[in-house]
C-alpha atoms as a PDB file:
ATOM      1  CA  MET A   1     -24.316  49.138  29.002  1.00  0.00           C
ATOM      2  CA  GLN A   2     -23.169  46.453  31.364  1.00  0.00           C
ATOM      3  CA  LEU A   3     -19.455  46.196  32.059  1.00  0.00           C
ATOM      4  CA  HIS A   4     -18.248  42.829  33.272  1.00  0.00           C
ATOM      5  CA  ARG A   5     -14.821  42.604  34.863  1.00  0.00           C
ATOM      6  CA  PRO A   6     -13.741  39.594  36.891  1.00  0.00           C
ATOM      7  CA  PHE A   7     -12.444  40.211  40.391  1.00  0.00           C
ATOM      8  CA  ARG A   8      -8.720  39.461  40.546  1.00  0.00           C
ATOM      9  CA  PHE A   9      -6.359  38.784  43.426  1.00  0.00           C
ATOM     10  CA  GLY A  10      -2.651  39.421  43.835  1.00  0.00           C
ATOM     11  CA  VAL A  11       0.168  38.354  46.104  1.00  0.00           C
ATOM     12  CA  VAL A  12       2.532  40.688  47.948  1.00  0.00           C
ATOM     13  CA  THR A  13       5.612  38.862  49.173  1.00  0.00           C
ATOM     14  CA  HIS A  14       9.078  39.748  50.373  1.00  0.00           C
ATOM     15  CA  ASN A  15      12.067  38.404  48.484  1.00  0.00           C
ATOM     16  CA  THR A  16      14.075  37.554  51.583  1.00  0.00           C
ATOM     17  CA  ASN A  17      14.230  33.872  50.690  1.00  0.00           C
ATOM     18  CA  ALA A  18      17.440  31.927  50.984  1.00  0.00           C
ATOM     19  CA  SER A  19      17.543  31.527  47.205  1.00  0.00           C
ATOM     20  CA  LEU A  20      16.081  33.003  44.076  1.00  0.00           C
ATOM     21  CA  ASP A  21      14.760  29.527  43.232  1.00  0.00           C
ATOM     22  CA  ALA A  22      12.486  29.700  46.296  1.00  0.00           C
ATOM     23  CA  LEU A  23      11.119  33.056  45.148  1.00  0.00           C
ATOM     24  CA  VAL A  24      10.474  31.729  41.636  1.00  0.00           C
ATOM     25  CA  ALA A  25       8.775  28.656  43.117  1.00  0.00           C
ATOM     26  CA  ARG A  26       6.518  30.946  45.164  1.00  0.00           C
ATOM     27  CA  ALA A  27       5.595  32.887  42.021  1.00  0.00           C
ATOM     28  CA  ARG A  28       4.832  29.695  40.101  1.00  0.00           C
ATOM     29  CA  LEU A  29       2.622  28.525  42.968  1.00  0.00           C
ATOM     30  CA  ALA A  30       0.765  31.849  42.953  1.00  0.00           C
ATOM     31  CA  GLU A  31       0.226  31.524  39.203  1.00  0.00           C
ATOM     32  CA  HIS A  32      -0.943  27.921  39.584  1.00  0.00           C
ATOM     33  CA  LEU A  33      -3.421  28.968  42.295  1.00  0.00           C
ATOM     34  CA  GLY A  34      -4.926  31.565  39.956  1.00  0.00           C
ATOM     35  CA  TYR A  35      -3.521  34.817  41.308  1.00  0.00           C
ATOM     36  CA  SER A  36      -3.146  37.550  38.708  1.00  0.00           C
ATOM     37  CA  ALA A  37      -0.452  39.804  40.232  1.00  0.00           C
ATOM     38  CA  PHE A  38       2.828  39.210  42.037  1.00  0.00           C
ATOM     39  CA  LEU A  39       4.304  42.204  43.870  1.00  0.00           C
ATOM     40  CA  ILE A  40       7.602  42.510  45.717  1.00  0.00           C
ATOM     41  CA  PRO A  41       8.372  45.496  47.969  1.00  0.00           C
ATOM     42  CA  ASP A  42      11.748  47.165  47.544  1.00  0.00           C
ATOM     43  CA  HIS A  43      13.765  47.609  50.717  1.00  0.00           C
ATOM     44  CA  LEU A  44      17.435  47.703  51.583  1.00  0.00           C
ATOM     45  CA  ASP A  45      17.207  44.757  53.951  1.00  0.00           C
ATOM     46  CA  ASP A  46      18.756  41.373  53.353  1.00  0.00           C
ATOM     47  CA  GLN A  47      17.074  40.588  50.041  1.00  0.00           C
ATOM     48  CA  PHE A  48      17.743  40.234  46.352  1.00  0.00           C
ATOM     49  CA  ASP A  49      17.610  43.255  44.077  1.00  0.00           C
ATOM     50  CA  THR A  50      13.919  43.863  43.342  1.00  0.00           C
ATOM     51  CA  PRO A  51      14.218  44.463  39.558  1.00  0.00           C
ATOM     52  CA  LEU A  52      16.358  41.321  39.249  1.00  0.00           C
ATOM     53  CA  ALA A  53      13.858  39.262  41.247  1.00  0.00           C
ATOM     54  CA  LEU A  54      10.939  40.588  39.190  1.00  0.00           C
ATOM     55  CA  ALA A  55      12.764  39.779  35.954  1.00  0.00           C
ATOM     56  CA  LEU A  56      13.250  36.182  37.088  1.00  0.00           C
ATOM     57  CA  VAL A  57       9.586  35.893  38.083  1.00  0.00           C
ATOM     58  CA  ALA A  58       8.529  37.271  34.695  1.00  0.00           C
ATOM     59  CA  GLN A  59      10.742  34.756  32.925  1.00  0.00           C
ATOM     60  CA  ALA A  60       9.417  31.832  34.966  1.00  0.00           C
ATOM     61  CA  THR A  61       5.691  32.620  34.664  1.00  0.00           C
ATOM     62  CA  SER A  62       3.380  33.394  31.782  1.00  0.00           C
ATOM     63  CA  THR A  63       0.195  34.946  33.176  1.00  0.00           C
ATOM     64  CA  LEU A  64       1.248  36.912  36.276  1.00  0.00           C
ATOM     65  CA  HIS A  65       1.380  40.688  36.241  1.00  0.00           C
ATOM     66  CA  ILE A  66       4.518  41.664  38.138  1.00  0.00           C
ATOM     67  CA  GLY A  67       5.450  44.827  39.932  1.00  0.00           C
ATOM     68  CA  SER A  68       6.957  46.401  42.992  1.00  0.00           C
ATOM     69  CA  PHE A  69       4.710  47.231  45.900  1.00  0.00           C
ATOM     70  CA  VAL A  70       7.186  49.970  46.811  1.00  0.00           C
ATOM     71  CA  PHE A  71      10.318  51.270  45.060  1.00  0.00           C
ATOM     72  CA  ALA A  72      12.867  52.981  47.314  1.00  0.00           C
ATOM     73  CA  ASN A  73      14.036  55.502  44.723  1.00  0.00           C
ATOM     74  CA  ASP A  74      15.752  57.718  47.286  1.00  0.00           C
ATOM     75  CA  PHE A  75      18.218  54.931  48.045  1.00  0.00           C
ATOM     76  CA  ARG A  76      19.200  54.431  44.412  1.00  0.00           C
ATOM     77  CA  HIS A  77      20.835  57.446  42.881  1.00  0.00           C
ATOM     78  CA  PRO A  78      21.063  56.735  39.122  1.00  0.00           C
ATOM     79  CA  GLY A  79      24.530  58.211  38.721  1.00  0.00           C
ATOM     80  CA  ARG A  80      25.981  56.380  41.696  1.00  0.00           C
ATOM     81  CA  ASP A  81      24.439  53.056  40.699  1.00  0.00           C
ATOM     82  CA  PHE A  82      25.593  53.479  37.098  1.00  0.00           C
ATOM     83  CA  ARG A  83      29.175  54.117  38.244  1.00  0.00           C
ATOM     84  CA  ARG A  84      29.009  51.061  40.517  1.00  0.00           C
ATOM     85  CA  ALA A  85      27.754  48.897  37.667  1.00  0.00           C
ATOM     86  CA  VAL A  86      30.493  50.123  35.326  1.00  0.00           C
ATOM     87  CA  ARG A  87      33.176  49.469  37.941  1.00  0.00           C
ATOM     88  CA  ALA A  88      31.782  46.002  38.676  1.00  0.00           C
ATOM     89  CA  GLY A  89      31.979  45.063  35.015  1.00  0.00           C
ATOM     90  CA  PRO A  90      29.608  43.161  32.771  1.00  0.00           C
ATOM     91  CA  GLY A  91      27.970  40.094  34.266  1.00  0.00           C
ATOM     92  CA  SER A  92      28.716  41.052  37.862  1.00  0.00           C
ATOM     93  CA  ARG A  93      25.317  39.696  38.987  1.00  0.00           C
ATOM     94  CA  VAL A  94      25.023  36.842  36.542  1.00  0.00           C
ATOM     95  CA  ASP A  95      26.349  34.333  39.079  1.00  0.00           C
ATOM     96  CA  ALA A  96      23.345  35.038  41.350  1.00  0.00           C
ATOM     97  CA  VAL A  97      20.947  34.274  38.519  1.00  0.00           C
ATOM     98  CA  GLY A  98      22.739  31.125  37.392  1.00  0.00           C
ATOM     99  CA  VAL A  99      22.860  32.062  33.715  1.00  0.00           C
END
C-alpha cells in the first residue's frame, strides 16, 4: 500500500501590525502563494488578541488552516476574563474589527 501525501508549508507570523487589515492582507498573500497553514503566537506584547486575529483570518481566507503557535493560557484566567468581558459590555471589541 502506497500512501501519497503532499508536502505542505505554513507561515508563522506575529500580529504586531499597525492594523488588522495588514494582518488579513498577509494571510491572503500566504493563501495566494499556496501556503496551507497560518499560525499566530499568543503573547502579551503590543498585539491584537490572538483569537480575534485568527477569526478575522478565517473569515478572509478559504483554504488556510489557522491556529496559534503558542497560547499563553496562564495569562488568561477564564473567570477573570469573563468578568472583564461582562463589565465591558457587548460589542466592546467590535470597533477594532470594524463590524
